[in-house]
Amino acid sequence: MFVYGYALTVLPDEIFEASVVHDILKLKHRHLFRVLGTYAPSGRMIFTIAPIAETVQLETAYKGKPCTIIIEKSTETQTALNR
């Protein structure tokens, strides 16, 4: 089994605090699950169990302010998990 990691960017960058990013991701969980499948965010990374086909960019709002979630395909890393 493999785990794929990608750079996670939330713009504007000044809102990039872990708890805020997790709140934003919770708001868009259903959409992200449809696009990514099972995923787990960690700091400025997001991990999936399947590779993504292309960069994911999602426009949303948090507390009335627009923001963008970007998961960059070009930053893909792959790690094998041992059982």
PDB file of N, CA and C in Angstrom:
ATOM      1  N   MET A   1       0.851  -1.171   0.000  1.00  0.00           N
ATOM      2  CA  MET A   1       0.000   0.000   0.000  1.00  0.00           C
ATOM      3  C   MET A   1       0.896   1.233   0.000  1.00  0.00           C
ATOM      4  N   PHE A   2       0.437   2.272  -0.685  1.00  0.00           N
ATOM      5  CA  PHE A   2       1.173   3.524  -0.773  1.00  0.00           C
ATOM      6  C   PHE A   2       0.348   4.669  -0.194  1.00  0.00           C
ATOM      7  N   VAL A   3       1.039   5.666   0.296  1.00  0.00           N
ATOM      8  CA  VAL A   3       0.427   6.926   0.727  1.00  0.00           C
ATOM      9  C   VAL A   3       1.060   8.016  -0.122  1.00  0.00           C
ATOM     10  N   TYR A   4       0.218   8.911  -0.632  1.00  0.00           N
ATOM     11  CA  TYR A   4       0.682  10.003  -1.479  1.00  0.00           C
ATOM     12  C   TYR A   4       0.554  11.304  -0.703  1.00  0.00           C
ATOM     13  N   GLY A   5       1.596  12.118  -0.753  1.00  0.00           N
ATOM     14  CA  GLY A   5       1.580  13.402  -0.061  1.00  0.00           C
ATOM     15  C   GLY A   5       1.652  14.542  -1.054  1.00  0.00           C
ATOM     16  N   TYR A   6       0.958  15.618  -0.740  1.00  0.00           N
ATOM     17  CA  TYR A   6       0.913  16.795  -1.610  1.00  0.00           C
ATOM     18  C   TYR A   6       1.009  18.062  -0.769  1.00  0.00           C
ATOM     19  N   ALA A   7       1.609  19.096  -1.354  1.00  0.00           N
ATOM     20  CA  ALA A   7       1.628  20.403  -0.700  1.00  0.00           C
ATOM     21  C   ALA A   7       0.202  20.939  -0.641  1.00  0.00           C
ATOM     22  N   LEU A   8      -0.163  21.469   0.506  1.00  0.00           N
ATOM     23  CA  LEU A   8      -1.481  22.049   0.734  1.00  0.00           C
ATOM     24  C   LEU A   8      -1.303  23.541   0.955  1.00  0.00           C
ATOM     25  N   THR A   9      -1.969  24.324   0.137  1.00  0.00           N
ATOM     26  CA  THR A   9      -1.899  25.775   0.252  1.00  0.00           C
ATOM     27  C   THR A   9      -3.304  26.306   0.465  1.00  0.00           C
ATOM     28  N   VAL A  10      -3.443  27.216   1.403  1.00  0.00           N
ATOM     29  CA  VAL A  10      -4.703  27.929   1.587  1.00  0.00           C
ATOM     30  C   VAL A  10      -4.376  29.411   1.458  1.00  0.00           C
ATOM     31  N   LEU A  11      -5.051  30.062   0.515  1.00  0.00           N
ATOM     32  CA  LEU A  11      -4.823  31.489   0.278  1.00  0.00           C
ATOM     33  C   LEU A  11      -6.033  32.284   0.731  1.00  0.00           C
ATOM     34  N   PRO A  12      -5.914  33.441   1.289  1.00  0.00           N
ATOM     35  CA  PRO A  12      -4.654  34.151   1.492  1.00  0.00           C
ATOM     36  C   PRO A  12      -3.810  33.478   2.573  1.00  0.00           C
ATOM     37  N   ASP A  13      -2.514  33.548   2.406  1.00  0.00           N
ATOM     38  CA  ASP A  13      -1.567  32.811   3.240  1.00  0.00           C
ATOM     39  C   ASP A  13      -1.632  33.197   4.719  1.00  0.00           C
ATOM     40  N   GLU A  14      -2.073  34.400   5.028  1.00  0.00           N
ATOM     41  CA  GLU A  14      -2.104  34.822   6.432  1.00  0.00           C
ATOM     42  C   GLU A  14      -3.113  34.037   7.273  1.00  0.00           C
ATOM     43  N   ILE A  15      -4.028  33.318   6.636  1.00  0.00           N
ATOM     44  CA  ILE A  15      -4.962  32.508   7.427  1.00  0.00           C
ATOM     45  C   ILE A  15      -4.447  31.093   7.638  1.00  0.00           C
ATOM     46  N   PHE A  16      -3.208  30.826   7.221  1.00  0.00           N
ATOM     47  CA  PHE A  16      -2.696  29.460   7.315  1.00  0.00           C
ATOM     48  C   PHE A  16      -2.238  29.157   8.744  1.00  0.00           C
ATOM     49  N   GLU A  17      -3.204  28.903   9.562  1.00  0.00           N
ATOM     50  CA  GLU A  17      -2.986  28.414  10.918  1.00  0.00           C
ATOM     51  C   GLU A  17      -3.663  27.053  10.950  1.00  0.00           C
ATOM     52  N   ALA A  18      -3.024  26.057  11.533  1.00  0.00           N
ATOM     53  CA  ALA A  18      -3.500  24.675  11.459  1.00  0.00           C
ATOM     54  C   ALA A  18      -4.977  24.534  11.812  1.00  0.00           C
ATOM     55  N   SER A  19      -5.413  25.145  12.903  1.00  0.00           N
ATOM     56  CA  SER A  19      -6.815  24.981  13.314  1.00  0.00           C
ATOM     57  C   SER A  19      -7.772  25.617  12.305  1.00  0.00           C
ATOM     58  N   VAL A  20      -7.382  26.742  11.715  1.00  0.00           N
ATOM     59  CA  VAL A  20      -8.227  27.406  10.720  1.00  0.00           C
ATOM     60  C   VAL A  20      -8.295  26.558   9.456  1.00  0.00           C
ATOM     61  N   VAL A  21      -7.150  26.035   9.019  1.00  0.00           N
ATOM     62  CA  VAL A  21      -7.126  25.197   7.818  1.00  0.00           C
ATOM     63  C   VAL A  21      -8.004  23.970   8.016  1.00  0.00           C
ATOM     64  N   HIS A  22      -7.932  23.338   9.175  1.00  0.00           N
ATOM     65  CA  HIS A  22      -8.778  22.175   9.439  1.00  0.00           C
ATOM     66  C   HIS A  22     -10.258  22.558   9.427  1.00  0.00           C
ATOM     67  N   ASP A  23     -10.595  23.735   9.945  1.00  0.00           N
ATOM     68  CA  ASP A  23     -11.990  24.200   9.890  1.00  0.00           C
ATOM     69  C   ASP A  23     -12.443  24.388   8.441  1.00  0.00           C
ATOM     70  N   ILE A  24     -11.580  24.981   7.614  1.00  0.00           N
ATOM     71  CA  ILE A  24     -11.918  25.202   6.204  1.00  0.00           C
ATOM     72  C   ILE A  24     -12.092  23.863   5.494  1.00  0.00           C
ATOM     73  N   LEU A  25     -11.184  22.918   5.760  1.00  0.00           N
ATOM     74  CA  LEU A  25     -11.282  21.604   5.126  1.00  0.00           C
ATOM     75  C   LEU A  25     -12.542  20.863   5.571  1.00  0.00           C
ATOM     76  N   LYS A  26     -12.941  21.032   6.827  1.00  0.00           N
ATOM     77  CA  LYS A  26     -14.180  20.403   7.305  1.00  0.00           C
ATOM     78  C   LYS A  26     -15.388  20.930   6.530  1.00  0.00           C
ATOM     79  N   LEU A  27     -15.387  22.228   6.244  1.00  0.00           N
ATOM     80  CA  LEU A  27     -16.502  22.819   5.502  1.00  0.00           C
ATOM     81  C   LEU A  27     -16.627  22.223   4.103  1.00  0.00           C
ATOM     82  N   LYS A  28     -15.527  21.827   3.521  1.00  0.00           N
ATOM     83  CA  LYS A  28     -15.503  21.303   2.151  1.00  0.00           C
ATOM     84  C   LYS A  28     -15.223  19.805   2.113  1.00  0.00           C
ATOM     85  N   HIS A  29     -15.438  19.110   3.233  1.00  0.00           N
ATOM     86  CA  HIS A  29     -15.099  17.693   3.327  1.00  0.00           C
ATOM     87  C   HIS A  29     -15.756  16.848   2.235  1.00  0.00           C
ATOM     88  N   ARG A  30     -17.041  17.001   2.023  1.00  0.00           N
ATOM     89  CA  ARG A  30     -17.736  16.167   1.024  1.00  0.00           C
ATOM     90  C   ARG A  30     -17.146  16.358  -0.366  1.00  0.00           C
ATOM     91  N   HIS A  31     -16.904  17.603  -0.733  1.00  0.00           N
ATOM     92  CA  HIS A  31     -16.322  17.874  -2.057  1.00  0.00           C
ATOM     93  C   HIS A  31     -14.912  17.285  -2.147  1.00  0.00           C
ATOM     94  N   LEU A  32     -14.101  17.520  -1.138  1.00  0.00           N
ATOM     95  CA  LEU A  32     -12.734  16.998  -1.152  1.00  0.00           C
ATOM     96  C   LEU A  32     -12.719  15.472  -1.165  1.00  0.00           C
ATOM     97  N   PHE A  33     -13.626  14.837  -0.437  1.00  0.00           N
ATOM     98  CA  PHE A  33     -13.689  13.377  -0.427  1.00  0.00           C
ATOM     99  C   PHE A  33     -14.044  12.836  -1.812  1.00  0.00           C
ATOM    100  N   ARG A  34     -14.955  13.516  -2.509  1.00  0.00           N
ATOM    101  CA  ARG A  34     -15.306  13.094  -3.873  1.00  0.00           C
ATOM    102  C   ARG A  34     -14.102  13.195  -4.815  1.00  0.00           C
ATOM    103  N   VAL A  35     -13.278  14.214  -4.620  1.00  0.00           N
ATOM    104  CA  VAL A  35     -12.121  14.437  -5.497  1.00  0.00           C
ATOM    105  C   VAL A  35     -10.915  13.592  -5.078  1.00  0.00           C
ATOM    106  N   LEU A  36     -10.654  13.512  -3.762  1.00  0.00           N
ATOM    107  CA  LEU A  36      -9.433  12.875  -3.271  1.00  0.00           C
ATOM    108  C   LEU A  36      -9.614  11.455  -2.757  1.00  0.00           C
ATOM    109  N   GLY A  37     -10.828  11.089  -2.422  1.00  0.00           N
ATOM    110  CA  GLY A  37     -11.028   9.842  -1.702  1.00  0.00           C
ATOM    111  C   GLY A  37     -10.642  10.065  -0.249  1.00  0.00           C
ATOM    112  N   THR A  38     -10.177   9.025   0.410  1.00  0.00           N
ATOM    113  CA  THR A  38      -9.756   9.171   1.803  1.00  0.00           C
ATOM    114  C   THR A  38      -8.526  10.072   1.867  1.00  0.00           C
ATOM    115  N   TYR A  39      -8.556  11.061   2.756  1.00  0.00           N
ATOM    116  CA  TYR A  39      -7.427  11.986   2.873  1.00  0.00           C
ATOM    117  C   TYR A  39      -7.223  12.374   4.334  1.00  0.00           C
ATOM    118  N   ALA A  40      -6.002  12.844   4.618  1.00  0.00           N
ATOM    119  CA  ALA A  40      -5.682  13.322   5.965  1.00  0.00           C
ATOM    120  C   ALA A  40      -4.775  14.537   5.838  1.00  0.00           C
ATOM    121  N   PRO A  41      -5.219  15.698   6.335  1.00  0.00           N
ATOM    122  CA  PRO A  41      -4.361  16.878   6.305  1.00  0.00           C
ATOM    123  C   PRO A  41      -3.403  16.874   7.493  1.00  0.00           C
ATOM    124  N   SER A  42      -2.226  17.428   7.283  1.00  0.00           N
ATOM    125  CA  SER A  42      -1.241  17.570   8.352  1.00  0.00           C
ATOM    126  C   SER A  42      -0.363  18.775   8.041  1.00  0.00           C
ATOM    127  N   GLY A  43      -0.602  19.859   8.750  1.00  0.00           N
ATOM    128  CA  GLY A  43       0.176  21.077   8.495  1.00  0.00           C
ATOM    129  C   GLY A  43      -0.016  21.558   7.076  1.00  0.00           C
ATOM    130  N   ARG A  44       1.078  21.709   6.357  1.00  0.00           N
ATOM    131  CA  ARG A  44       1.026  22.175   4.970  1.00  0.00           C
ATOM    132  C   ARG A  44       1.062  21.026   3.970  1.00  0.00           C
ATOM    133  N   MET A  45       0.639  19.842   4.415  1.00  0.00           N
ATOM    134  CA  MET A  45       0.580  18.652   3.554  1.00  0.00           C
ATOM    135  C   MET A  45      -0.800  18.034   3.661  1.00  0.00           C
ATOM    136  N   ILE A  46      -1.166  17.298   2.622  1.00  0.00           N
ATOM    137  CA  ILE A  46      -2.379  16.492   2.663  1.00  0.00           C
ATOM    138  C   ILE A  46      -2.008  15.128   2.090  1.00  0.00           C
ATOM    139  N   PHE A  47      -2.498  14.078   2.717  1.00  0.00           N
ATOM    140  CA  PHE A  47      -2.134  12.718   2.335  1.00  0.00           C
ATOM    141  C   PHE A  47      -3.369  11.974   1.834  1.00  0.00           C
ATOM    142  N   THR A  48      -3.163  11.161   0.787  1.00  0.00           N
ATOM    143  CA  THR A  48      -4.231  10.359   0.203  1.00  0.00           C
ATOM    144  C   THR A  48      -3.736   8.929   0.019  1.00  0.00           C
ATOM    145  N   ILE A  49      -4.669   8.001  -0.224  1.00  0.00           N
ATOM    146  CA  ILE A  49      -4.258   6.619  -0.481  1.00  0.00           C
ATOM    147  C   ILE A  49      -4.245   6.305  -1.972  1.00  0.00           C
ATOM    148  N   ALA A  50      -4.626   7.270  -2.780  1.00  0.00           N
ATOM    149  CA  ALA A  50      -4.558   7.124  -4.238  1.00  0.00           C
ATOM    150  C   ALA A  50      -3.989   8.424  -4.811  1.00  0.00           C
ATOM    151  N   PRO A  51      -3.234   8.343  -5.895  1.00  0.00           N
ATOM    152  CA  PRO A  51      -2.698   9.583  -6.472  1.00  0.00           C
ATOM    153  C   PRO A  51      -3.812  10.433  -7.072  1.00  0.00           C
ATOM    154  N   ILE A  52      -3.617  11.744  -7.066  1.00  0.00           N
ATOM    155  CA  ILE A  52      -4.589  12.625  -7.707  1.00  0.00           C
ATOM    156  C   ILE A  52      -4.194  12.803  -9.171  1.00  0.00           C
ATOM    157  N   ALA A  53      -5.162  13.040 -10.016  1.00  0.00           N
ATOM    158  CA  ALA A  53      -4.909  13.148 -11.453  1.00  0.00           C
ATOM    159  C   ALA A  53      -4.329  14.506 -11.842  1.00  0.00           C
ATOM    160  N   GLU A  54      -4.735  15.548 -11.100  1.00  0.00           N
ATOM    161  CA  GLU A  54      -4.289  16.900 -11.425  1.00  0.00           C
ATOM    162  C   GLU A  54      -4.396  17.784 -10.191  1.00  0.00           C
ATOM    163  N   THR A  55      -3.806  18.954 -10.279  1.00  0.00           N
ATOM    164  CA  THR A  55      -3.886  19.911  -9.176  1.00  0.00           C
ATOM    165  C   THR A  55      -5.346  20.219  -8.866  1.00  0.00           C
ATOM    166  N   VAL A  56      -5.666  20.255  -7.577  1.00  0.00           N
ATOM    167  CA  VAL A  56      -7.024  20.553  -7.125  1.00  0.00           C
ATOM    168  C   VAL A  56      -7.034  21.986  -6.605  1.00  0.00           C
ATOM    169  N   GLN A  57      -7.944  22.791  -7.120  1.00  0.00           N
ATOM    170  CA  GLN A  57      -8.101  24.164  -6.657  1.00  0.00           C
ATOM    171  C   GLN A  57      -9.572  24.384  -6.362  1.00  0.00           C
ATOM    172  N   LEU A  58      -9.862  24.798  -5.131  1.00  0.00           N
ATOM    173  CA  LEU A  58     -11.239  24.937  -4.684  1.00  0.00           C
ATOM    174  C   LEU A  58     -11.436  26.314  -4.060  1.00  0.00           C
ATOM    175  N   GLU A  59     -12.347  27.071  -4.635  1.00  0.00           N
ATOM    176  CA  GLU A  59     -12.697  28.394  -4.108  1.00  0.00           C
ATOM    177  C   GLU A  59     -13.759  28.209  -3.038  1.00  0.00           C
ATOM    178  N   THR A  60     -13.591  28.877  -1.905  1.00  0.00           N
ATOM    179  CA  THR A  60     -14.562  28.782  -0.829  1.00  0.00           C
ATOM    180  C   THR A  60     -14.529  30.081  -0.021  1.00  0.00           C
ATOM    181  N   ALA A  61     -15.169  30.084   1.121  1.00  0.00           N
ATOM    182  CA  ALA A  61     -15.143  31.243   2.013  1.00  0.00           C
ATOM    183  C   ALA A  61     -15.057  30.739   3.441  1.00  0.00           C
ATOM    184  N   TYR A  62     -14.407  31.527   4.285  1.00  0.00           N
ATOM    185  CA  TYR A  62     -14.307  31.201   5.695  1.00  0.00           C
ATOM    186  C   TYR A  62     -14.609  32.459   6.482  1.00  0.00           C
ATOM    187  N   LYS A  63     -15.644  32.395   7.300  1.00  0.00           N
ATOM    188  CA  LYS A  63     -16.099  33.550   8.077  1.00  0.00           C
ATOM    189  C   LYS A  63     -16.322  34.764   7.178  1.00  0.00           C
ATOM    190  N   GLY A  64     -16.943  34.500   6.027  1.00  0.00           N
ATOM    191  CA  GLY A  64     -17.307  35.570   5.106  1.00  0.00           C
ATOM    192  C   GLY A  64     -16.186  36.083   4.230  1.00  0.00           C
ATOM    193  N   LYS A  65     -14.990  35.531   4.351  1.00  0.00           N
ATOM    194  CA  LYS A  65     -13.865  35.992   3.539  1.00  0.00           C
ATOM    195  C   LYS A  65     -13.494  34.910   2.528  1.00  0.00           C
ATOM    196  N   PRO A  66     -13.279  35.314   1.270  1.00  0.00           N
ATOM    197  CA  PRO A  66     -12.936  34.320   0.249  1.00  0.00           C
ATOM    198  C   PRO A  66     -11.566  33.702   0.512  1.00  0.00           C
ATOM    199  N   CYS A  67     -11.462  32.424   0.198  1.00  0.00           N
ATOM    200  CA  CYS A  67     -10.170  31.752   0.291  1.00  0.00           C
ATOM    201  C   CYS A  67     -10.118  30.644  -0.759  1.00  0.00           C
ATOM    202  N   THR A  68      -8.918  30.174  -1.031  1.00  0.00           N
ATOM    203  CA  THR A  68      -8.697  29.150  -2.039  1.00  0.00           C
ATOM    204  C   THR A  68      -7.875  28.027  -1.429  1.00  0.00           C
ATOM    205  N   ILE A  69      -8.319  26.793  -1.661  1.00  0.00           N
ATOM    206  CA  ILE A  69      -7.571  25.609  -1.246  1.00  0.00           C
ATOM    207  C   ILE A  69      -6.885  25.068  -2.500  1.00  0.00           C
ATOM    208  N   ILE A  70      -5.572  24.838  -2.409  1.00  0.00           N
ATOM    209  CA  ILE A  70      -4.824  24.308  -3.551  1.00  0.00           C
ATOM    210  C   ILE A  70      -4.046  23.077  -3.092  1.00  0.00           C
ATOM    211  N   ILE A  71      -4.217  21.980  -3.817  1.00  0.00           N
ATOM    212  CA  ILE A  71      -3.482  20.745  -3.565  1.00  0.00           C
ATOM    213  C   ILE A  71      -2.711  20.473  -4.851  1.00  0.00           C
ATOM    214  N   GLU A  72      -1.382  20.626  -4.780  1.00  0.00           N
ATOM    215  CA  GLU A  72      -0.555  20.655  -5.979  1.00  0.00           C
ATOM    216  C   GLU A  72      -0.057  19.276  -6.416  1.00  0.00           C
ATOM    217  N   LYS A  73      -0.487  18.836  -7.584  1.00  0.00           N
ATOM    218  CA  LYS A  73      -0.070  17.554  -8.161  1.00  0.00           C
ATOM    219  C   LYS A  73       1.454  17.492  -8.319  1.00  0.00           C
ATOM    220  N   SER A  74       2.080  18.599  -8.704  1.00  0.00           N
ATOM    221  CA  SER A  74       3.521  18.610  -8.978  1.00  0.00           C
ATOM    222  C   SER A  74       4.369  18.334  -7.735  1.00  0.00           C
ATOM    223  N   THR A  75       3.765  18.392  -6.560  1.00  0.00           N
ATOM    224  CA  THR A  75       4.513  18.167  -5.316  1.00  0.00           C
ATOM    225  C   THR A  75       4.337  16.742  -4.790  1.00  0.00           C
ATOM    226  N   GLU A  76       3.763  15.869  -5.594  1.00  0.00           N
ATOM    227  CA  GLU A  76       3.445  14.506  -5.156  1.00  0.00           C
ATOM    228  C   GLU A  76       4.680  13.747  -4.654  1.00  0.00           C
ATOM    229  N   THR A  77       4.517  13.126  -3.480  1.00  0.00           N
ATOM    230  CA  THR A  77       5.507  12.184  -2.954  1.00  0.00           C
ATOM    231  C   THR A  77       4.771  10.876  -2.706  1.00  0.00           C
ATOM    232  N   GLN A  78       5.497   9.791  -2.776  1.00  0.00           N
ATOM    233  CA  GLN A  78       4.891   8.478  -2.605  1.00  0.00           C
ATOM    234  C   GLN A  78       5.699   7.707  -1.557  1.00  0.00           C
ATOM    235  N   THR A  79       4.997   7.135  -0.598  1.00  0.00           N
ATOM    236  CA  THR A  79       5.640   6.369   0.469  1.00  0.00           C
ATOM    237  C   THR A  79       4.959   5.010   0.573  1.00  0.00           C
ATOM    238  N   ALA A  80       5.763   3.954   0.592  1.00  0.00           N
ATOM    239  CA  ALA A  80       5.227   2.608   0.757  1.00  0.00           C
ATOM    240  C   ALA A  80       5.035   2.335   2.236  1.00  0.00           C
ATOM    241  N   LEU A  81       3.902   1.744   2.582  1.00  0.00           N
ATOM    242  CA  LEU A  81       3.633   1.353   3.956  1.00  0.00           C
ATOM    243  C   LEU A  81       3.853  -0.147   4.097  1.00  0.00           C
ATOM    244  N   ASN A  82       4.564  -0.540   5.120  1.00  0.00           N
ATOM    245  CA  ASN A  82       4.763  -1.956   5.398  1.00  0.00           C
ATOM    246  C   ASN A  82       3.704  -2.434   6.349  1.00  0.00           C
ATOM    247  N   ARG A  83       3.267  -3.642   6.193  1.00  0.00           N
ATOM    248  CA  ARG A  83       2.247  -4.191   7.083  1.00  0.00           C
ATOM    249  C   ARG A  83       2.859  -4.717   8.336  1.00  0.00           C
TER     250      ARG A  83
END
